[in-house]
Amino acid sequence: MAPDILVMDEPTSGLDPYARRQLIGLLGEFRHTRIFTSHDLDMVLDLCPRTIVLLAGAVMADGPTRDIFADEALLSRCRLERPLTLQACPVCGCKHD
């Protein structure tokens, strides 16, 4: 199969960490259109240059992923948290943007 568009719903749901990393690697190699829903915001940050945030069926944001994840008010309103890779380390307080 050689699809031009790949559509997935929560592709990392239920995967162990190793399988999750393998899937993200495979998705990163797919050079055509990828559309997926996910609460795995670290995966979204890794794979998606553009993100659309939905809340109750309404589009709340549509734009560059990093811009969306930098908008604390939007994330709070949509009951989302910044990806772990963008949060400060709970031990040392360092950020790894």
C-alpha atoms as a PDB file:
ATOM      1  CA  MET A   1       0.000   0.000   0.000  1.00  0.00           C
ATOM      2  CA  ALA A   2       1.182   3.503  -0.785  1.00  0.00           C
ATOM      3  CA  PRO A   3      -1.420   5.962   0.503  1.00  0.00           C
ATOM      4  CA  ASP A   4      -1.182   9.690  -0.196  1.00  0.00           C
ATOM      5  CA  ILE A   5      -3.033  10.480   3.039  1.00  0.00           C
ATOM      6  CA  LEU A   6      -2.767   8.662   6.358  1.00  0.00           C
ATOM      7  CA  VAL A   7      -5.598   9.190   8.879  1.00  0.00           C
ATOM      8  CA  MET A   8      -5.267   7.814  12.414  1.00  0.00           C
ATOM      9  CA  ASP A   9      -7.228   8.158  15.648  1.00  0.00           C
ATOM     10  CA  GLU A  10      -5.077   8.213  18.818  1.00  0.00           C
ATOM     11  CA  PRO A  11      -2.274   6.170  17.225  1.00  0.00           C
ATOM     12  CA  THR A  12      -0.155   5.911  20.399  1.00  0.00           C
ATOM     13  CA  SER A  13      -3.020   4.988  22.705  1.00  0.00           C
ATOM     14  CA  GLY A  14      -2.278   1.815  24.624  1.00  0.00           C
ATOM     15  CA  LEU A  15       1.277   1.420  23.329  1.00  0.00           C
ATOM     16  CA  ASP A  16       4.232   0.730  25.595  1.00  0.00           C
ATOM     17  CA  PRO A  17       7.069   3.306  25.416  1.00  0.00           C
ATOM     18  CA  TYR A  18       9.161   1.233  22.979  1.00  0.00           C
ATOM     19  CA  ALA A  19       6.265   0.675  20.543  1.00  0.00           C
ATOM     20  CA  ARG A  20       5.312   4.367  20.860  1.00  0.00           C
ATOM     21  CA  ARG A  21       8.825   5.463  19.832  1.00  0.00           C
ATOM     22  CA  GLN A  22       8.802   3.005  16.903  1.00  0.00           C
ATOM     23  CA  LEU A  23       5.447   4.309  15.680  1.00  0.00           C
ATOM     24  CA  ILE A  24       6.572   7.935  15.964  1.00  0.00           C
ATOM     25  CA  GLY A  25       9.664   7.035  13.942  1.00  0.00           C
ATOM     26  CA  LEU A  26       7.546   5.425  11.229  1.00  0.00           C
ATOM     27  CA  LEU A  27       5.126   8.352  11.130  1.00  0.00           C
ATOM     28  CA  GLY A  28       8.065  10.752  10.884  1.00  0.00           C
ATOM     29  CA  GLU A  29       9.248   8.966   7.724  1.00  0.00           C
ATOM     30  CA  PHE A  30       5.826   9.191   6.043  1.00  0.00           C
ATOM     31  CA  ARG A  31       6.194  12.084   3.576  1.00  0.00           C
ATOM     32  CA  HIS A  32       2.583  12.508   2.552  1.00  0.00           C
ATOM     33  CA  THR A  33      -0.319  14.103   4.393  1.00  0.00           C
ATOM     34  CA  ARG A  34      -0.844  12.852   7.952  1.00  0.00           C
ATOM     35  CA  ILE A  35      -4.041  13.583   9.834  1.00  0.00           C
ATOM     36  CA  PHE A  36      -4.511  12.239  13.313  1.00  0.00           C
ATOM     37  CA  THR A  37      -6.259  12.937  16.560  1.00  0.00           C
ATOM     38  CA  SER A  38      -4.192  12.661  19.695  1.00  0.00           C
ATOM     39  CA  HIS A  39      -3.832  13.628  23.314  1.00  0.00           C
ATOM     40  CA  ASP A  40      -0.123  12.671  23.035  1.00  0.00           C
ATOM     41  CA  LEU A  41       1.065  16.254  22.735  1.00  0.00           C
ATOM     42  CA  ASP A  42       4.745  15.314  22.724  1.00  0.00           C
ATOM     43  CA  MET A  43       4.093  13.237  19.603  1.00  0.00           C
ATOM     44  CA  VAL A  44       2.177  16.163  18.083  1.00  0.00           C
ATOM     45  CA  LEU A  45       5.129  18.455  18.825  1.00  0.00           C
ATOM     46  CA  ASP A  46       7.543  15.977  17.198  1.00  0.00           C
ATOM     47  CA  LEU A  47       5.504  15.270  14.063  1.00  0.00           C
ATOM     48  CA  CYS A  48       3.143  18.120  13.289  1.00  0.00           C
ATOM     49  CA  PRO A  49       4.201  21.490  11.923  1.00  0.00           C
ATOM     50  CA  ARG A  50       0.516  22.515  12.033  1.00  0.00           C
ATOM     51  CA  THR A  51      -2.033  21.760  14.750  1.00  0.00           C
ATOM     52  CA  ILE A  52      -5.775  22.261  14.997  1.00  0.00           C
ATOM     53  CA  VAL A  53      -7.261  22.314  18.498  1.00  0.00           C
ATOM     54  CA  LEU A  54     -10.915  21.337  18.868  1.00  0.00           C
ATOM     55  CA  LEU A  55     -13.161  21.900  21.865  1.00  0.00           C
ATOM     56  CA  ALA A  56     -16.721  20.587  21.875  1.00  0.00           C
ATOM     57  CA  GLY A  57     -16.601  20.287  18.081  1.00  0.00           C
ATOM     58  CA  ALA A  58     -15.452  23.872  17.513  1.00  0.00           C
ATOM     59  CA  VAL A  59     -12.063  24.912  16.144  1.00  0.00           C
ATOM     60  CA  MET A  60     -10.324  26.854  18.901  1.00  0.00           C
ATOM     61  CA  ALA A  61      -6.958  27.259  17.155  1.00  0.00           C
ATOM     62  CA  ASP A  62      -5.309  26.429  13.850  1.00  0.00           C
ATOM     63  CA  GLY A  63      -1.681  27.246  13.268  1.00  0.00           C
ATOM     64  CA  PRO A  64       1.949  26.398  13.873  1.00  0.00           C
ATOM     65  CA  THR A  65       2.243  23.777  16.605  1.00  0.00           C
ATOM     66  CA  ARG A  66       4.877  25.626  18.641  1.00  0.00           C
ATOM     67  CA  ASP A  67       2.760  28.824  18.612  1.00  0.00           C
ATOM     68  CA  ILE A  68      -0.271  26.903  19.845  1.00  0.00           C
ATOM     69  CA  PHE A  69       1.688  25.202  22.628  1.00  0.00           C
ATOM     70  CA  ALA A  70       3.091  28.595  23.700  1.00  0.00           C
ATOM     71  CA  ASP A  71      -0.430  30.002  24.202  1.00  0.00           C
ATOM     72  CA  GLU A  72      -1.067  29.279  27.889  1.00  0.00           C
ATOM     73  CA  ALA A  73      -4.544  30.883  27.836  1.00  0.00           C
ATOM     74  CA  LEU A  74      -5.636  28.713  24.902  1.00  0.00           C
ATOM     75  CA  LEU A  75      -4.279  25.538  26.498  1.00  0.00           C
ATOM     76  CA  SER A  76      -5.997  26.331  29.779  1.00  0.00           C
ATOM     77  CA  ARG A  77      -9.302  27.131  28.059  1.00  0.00           C
ATOM     78  CA  CYS A  78      -9.115  23.811  26.172  1.00  0.00           C
ATOM     79  CA  ARG A  79      -8.011  21.838  29.258  1.00  0.00           C
ATOM     80  CA  LEU A  80      -4.674  20.916  27.718  1.00  0.00           C
ATOM     81  CA  GLU A  81      -1.167  21.031  29.146  1.00  0.00           C
ATOM     82  CA  ARG A  82       2.067  21.846  27.363  1.00  0.00           C
ATOM     83  CA  PRO A  83       3.931  18.776  26.100  1.00  0.00           C
ATOM     84  CA  LEU A  84       6.260  17.352  28.733  1.00  0.00           C
ATOM     85  CA  THR A  85       9.270  18.252  26.599  1.00  0.00           C
ATOM     86  CA  LEU A  86       8.275  21.943  26.874  1.00  0.00           C
ATOM     87  CA  GLN A  87       7.695  21.867  30.635  1.00  0.00           C
ATOM     88  CA  ALA A  88      10.356  22.627  33.226  1.00  0.00           C
ATOM     89  CA  CYS A  89      12.057  19.665  34.891  1.00  0.00           C
ATOM     90  CA  PRO A  90      10.404  19.038  38.284  1.00  0.00           C
ATOM     91  CA  VAL A  91      13.811  18.255  39.831  1.00  0.00           C
ATOM     92  CA  CYS A  92      16.131  20.995  38.557  1.00  0.00           C
ATOM     93  CA  GLY A  93      13.682  23.485  37.007  1.00  0.00           C
ATOM     94  CA  CYS A  94      15.521  23.476  33.659  1.00  0.00           C
ATOM     95  CA  LYS A  95      13.532  23.891  30.472  1.00  0.00           C
ATOM     96  CA  HIS A  96      14.446  21.856  27.428  1.00  0.00           C
ATOM     97  CA  ASP A  97      12.679  23.804  24.649  1.00  0.00           C
END
